[in-house]
Amino acid sequence: FKSIGIKRHPLFSDPIGVTHISKDDGQLLIRQKEIVRVIIPTYNRYDILHDILKDMEQQDYSHISITVVDQSNPFKESLYSDYNLDITLIRQENPGLWRARNRAIQESKEDIIALLDDDSRVSPNWLCKHLQCLSYFGAKTSAGVSLSTHGAKIPNNYSFYRLADQLDTGNTVLRRSVFEKCGLFDEQ
């Protein structure tokens, strides 16, 4: 009864006041042309991996180095010469997604790290949008969403910038300082 006169606030409204970052905002990181390390673990999915590597060739932001942690059997090293990308290949005999991500993070030196899955698909502005988000909000992490073309309707709260309720490690860009402060991924 005490709350009967209180106006209800819609849960999925724009909580931080920004639904769009203009093309001219948040450009500091893009202008700095800092190398971004993109980490992609893969396990027996060369046919799908091909698509994300092609997407990476088409990125508007070209200052990227790719690390592929290949856990496949049989291992096809020759596949990686087909791309116009700076690819560091790590061969991992014992498969494990979190072990693969951790190893690639430990072996990289860049301040900005992007995490993708081998079955991800991204638009040419994918990395620019993440870098704009980091710069515009002064954030340490920009977590995108995984959108499926099949299944349930995409929730309304996926259409604007907001504090995330989960970290999709198949579409995330982070500063190295996040790992220095929080540690690497739990492999258990």
Protein backbone atom coordinates (compact mmCIF):
# COMPACT_ATOMS: atom_id res chain seq x y z
CA PHE A 1 0.00 0.00 0.00
CA LYS A 2 2.89 2.39 0.70
CA SER A 3 4.12 2.09 -2.90
CA ILE A 4 0.73 2.29 -4.62
CA GLY A 5 1.32 5.92 -5.71
CA ILE A 6 4.86 5.35 -6.99
CA LYS A 7 5.25 5.46 -10.75
CA ARG A 8 6.77 2.29 -12.14
CA HIS A 9 10.06 2.66 -14.03
CA PRO A 10 10.38 0.38 -17.07
CA LEU A 11 13.17 -2.10 -16.44
CA PHE A 12 14.46 -2.07 -20.02
CA SER A 13 14.51 1.67 -20.55
CA ASP A 14 17.77 3.43 -21.35
CA PRO A 15 19.49 3.41 -17.94
CA ILE A 16 22.54 5.55 -18.77
CA GLY A 17 21.09 8.06 -21.20
CA VAL A 18 23.00 6.98 -24.32
CA THR A 19 21.41 4.89 -27.02
CA HIS A 20 23.91 5.75 -29.73
CA ILE A 21 27.46 7.04 -29.89
CA SER A 22 27.85 9.30 -32.90
CA LYS A 23 30.56 8.51 -35.42
CA ASP A 24 32.59 11.51 -34.20
CA ASP A 25 32.45 10.65 -30.48
CA GLY A 26 34.77 8.25 -28.69
CA GLN A 27 37.48 8.42 -31.33
CA LEU A 28 40.53 8.75 -29.05
CA LEU A 29 41.54 5.08 -29.12
CA ILE A 30 40.90 4.88 -32.85
CA ARG A 31 43.10 7.93 -33.54
CA GLN A 32 45.88 6.46 -31.38
CA LYS A 33 46.05 3.44 -33.74
CA GLU A 34 46.96 1.13 -30.90
CA ILE A 35 47.37 -2.53 -31.85
CA VAL A 36 44.49 -4.67 -30.59
CA ARG A 37 45.16 -8.36 -29.88
CA VAL A 38 42.22 -10.46 -31.08
CA ILE A 39 42.11 -13.93 -29.48
CA ILE A 40 40.19 -16.74 -31.17
CA PRO A 41 40.30 -20.28 -29.76
CA THR A 42 39.25 -23.03 -32.16
CA TYR A 43 38.59 -26.74 -31.88
CA ASN A 44 37.86 -28.84 -34.97
CA ARG A 45 35.91 -26.09 -36.75
CA TYR A 46 38.11 -24.90 -39.60
CA ASP A 47 35.11 -24.36 -41.89
CA ILE A 48 33.55 -21.88 -39.43
CA LEU A 49 36.87 -20.33 -38.40
CA HIS A 50 37.36 -19.32 -42.03
CA ASP A 51 34.32 -16.99 -41.83
CA ILE A 52 35.51 -15.05 -38.77
CA LEU A 53 39.03 -14.70 -40.20
CA LYS A 54 37.49 -13.29 -43.40
CA ASP A 55 35.44 -10.90 -41.24
CA MET A 56 38.63 -9.78 -39.51
CA GLU A 57 40.23 -9.01 -42.88
CA GLN A 58 37.31 -6.61 -43.54
CA GLN A 59 37.58 -4.61 -40.29
CA ASP A 60 37.49 -0.81 -40.60
CA TYR A 61 40.13 -0.69 -37.86
CA SER A 62 43.19 -2.39 -39.30
CA HIS A 63 45.60 -2.17 -36.36
CA ILE A 64 45.01 -5.72 -35.20
CA SER A 65 47.02 -8.83 -34.49
CA ILE A 66 45.20 -12.14 -34.30
CA THR A 67 46.07 -15.03 -32.02
CA VAL A 68 44.41 -18.31 -32.92
CA VAL A 69 44.73 -21.02 -30.29
CA ASP A 70 44.25 -24.13 -32.40
CA GLN A 71 43.26 -27.26 -30.48
CA SER A 72 42.10 -29.19 -33.56
CA ASN A 73 42.91 -32.73 -34.49
CA PRO A 74 44.04 -33.13 -37.19
CA PHE A 75 45.94 -29.84 -37.06
CA LYS A 76 46.05 -27.90 -40.35
CA GLU A 77 48.73 -25.23 -40.00
CA SER A 78 48.76 -24.44 -43.74
CA LEU A 79 45.22 -23.02 -43.49
CA TYR A 80 46.48 -19.85 -41.81
CA SER A 81 48.59 -18.66 -44.75
CA ASP A 82 45.39 -18.00 -46.75
CA TYR A 83 44.61 -14.75 -44.92
CA ASN A 84 45.93 -11.21 -45.14
CA LEU A 85 46.23 -10.94 -41.37
CA ASP A 86 48.98 -10.82 -38.77
CA ILE A 87 48.23 -14.23 -37.21
CA THR A 88 50.09 -15.71 -34.27
CA LEU A 89 49.29 -19.39 -34.11
CA ILE A 90 49.41 -21.26 -30.80
CA ARG A 91 49.07 -25.02 -30.99
CA GLN A 92 47.39 -26.45 -27.89
CA GLU A 93 47.31 -30.23 -27.63
CA ASN A 94 44.90 -30.50 -24.69
CA PRO A 95 41.61 -28.78 -25.60
CA GLY A 96 40.08 -26.33 -23.16
CA LEU A 97 38.41 -23.01 -23.99
CA TRP A 98 39.45 -21.17 -20.82
CA ARG A 99 42.97 -22.61 -20.92
CA ALA A 100 43.24 -21.43 -24.54
CA ARG A 101 42.06 -17.89 -23.74
CA ASN A 102 44.36 -17.65 -20.70
CA ARG A 103 47.39 -18.87 -22.63
CA ALA A 104 46.83 -16.37 -25.43
CA ILE A 105 46.37 -13.52 -22.96
CA GLN A 106 49.58 -14.49 -21.14
CA GLU A 107 51.55 -14.68 -24.40
CA SER A 108 50.30 -11.32 -25.71
CA LYS A 109 51.65 -7.91 -24.79
CA GLU A 110 48.99 -5.50 -26.11
CA ASP A 111 46.99 -3.27 -23.75
CA ILE A 112 43.71 -3.90 -25.56
CA ILE A 113 42.53 -7.50 -25.97
CA ALA A 114 39.51 -8.61 -27.98
CA LEU A 115 37.92 -12.02 -27.44
CA LEU A 116 35.97 -13.81 -30.17
CA ASP A 117 34.65 -17.31 -30.70
CA ASP A 118 35.52 -19.28 -33.82
CA ASP A 119 31.83 -19.32 -34.80
CA SER A 120 31.33 -15.56 -34.37
CA ARG A 121 30.46 -13.30 -37.28
CA VAL A 122 31.17 -9.57 -37.05
CA SER A 123 30.47 -6.53 -39.20
CA PRO A 124 33.33 -4.38 -40.57
CA ASN A 125 32.78 -1.76 -37.83
CA TRP A 126 32.81 -4.32 -34.98
CA LEU A 127 36.15 -3.32 -33.50
CA CYS A 128 35.64 0.42 -34.07
CA LYS A 129 32.37 0.26 -32.13
CA HIS A 130 34.04 -1.49 -29.19
CA LEU A 131 36.92 1.00 -29.19
CA GLN A 132 34.44 3.89 -29.31
CA CYS A 133 32.61 2.43 -26.30
CA LEU A 134 35.85 2.08 -24.30
CA SER A 135 36.88 5.62 -25.16
CA TYR A 136 33.50 7.37 -24.84
CA PHE A 137 32.67 5.87 -21.44
CA GLY A 138 36.24 5.60 -20.14
CA ALA A 139 35.49 1.91 -19.66
CA LYS A 140 37.86 -1.00 -19.17
CA THR A 141 35.50 -3.49 -20.82
CA SER A 142 33.14 -3.37 -23.77
CA ALA A 143 30.95 -6.45 -23.89
CA GLY A 144 28.85 -7.01 -26.96
CA VAL A 145 26.02 -9.45 -27.28
CA SER A 146 25.73 -12.63 -29.28
CA LEU A 147 22.78 -12.32 -31.57
CA SER A 148 21.29 -15.36 -33.19
CA THR A 149 19.26 -15.25 -36.37
CA HIS A 150 17.21 -18.17 -35.03
CA GLY A 151 15.24 -18.68 -31.86
CA ALA A 152 13.78 -16.22 -29.41
CA LYS A 153 13.21 -12.54 -30.13
CA ILE A 154 16.17 -10.31 -29.26
CA PRO A 155 15.43 -8.60 -25.90
CA ASN A 156 14.79 -4.83 -25.98
CA ASN A 157 17.64 -4.17 -23.56
CA TYR A 158 20.15 -5.35 -26.21
CA SER A 159 19.47 -2.25 -28.32
CA PHE A 160 21.32 0.36 -26.25
CA TYR A 161 24.47 0.91 -24.22
CA ARG A 162 24.03 -0.18 -20.62
CA LEU A 163 25.77 -1.90 -17.76
CA ALA A 164 25.98 -5.56 -18.71
CA ASP A 165 24.46 -8.39 -16.73
CA GLN A 166 26.85 -10.91 -18.28
CA LEU A 167 30.19 -11.01 -20.07
CA ASP A 168 29.95 -12.67 -23.47
CA THR A 169 33.54 -13.76 -24.01
CA GLY A 170 32.73 -14.42 -27.65
CA ASN A 171 32.29 -10.66 -28.23
CA THR A 172 34.30 -8.62 -25.73
CA VAL A 173 37.10 -6.06 -25.79
CA LEU A 174 39.02 -5.45 -22.57
CA ARG A 175 42.04 -3.59 -21.31
CA ARG A 176 44.85 -5.74 -19.96
CA SER A 177 44.43 -4.02 -16.59
CA VAL A 178 41.19 -5.99 -16.09
CA PHE A 179 43.18 -9.24 -16.04
CA GLU A 180 45.93 -7.69 -13.90
CA LYS A 181 43.33 -6.72 -11.31
CA CYS A 182 40.92 -9.70 -11.50
CA GLY A 183 43.16 -12.50 -12.72
CA LEU A 184 42.66 -14.79 -15.68
CA PHE A 185 39.62 -16.98 -16.42
CA ASP A 186 38.83 -19.85 -14.04
CA GLU A 187 39.70 -23.00 -15.97
CA GLN A 188 37.41 -25.14 -13.82
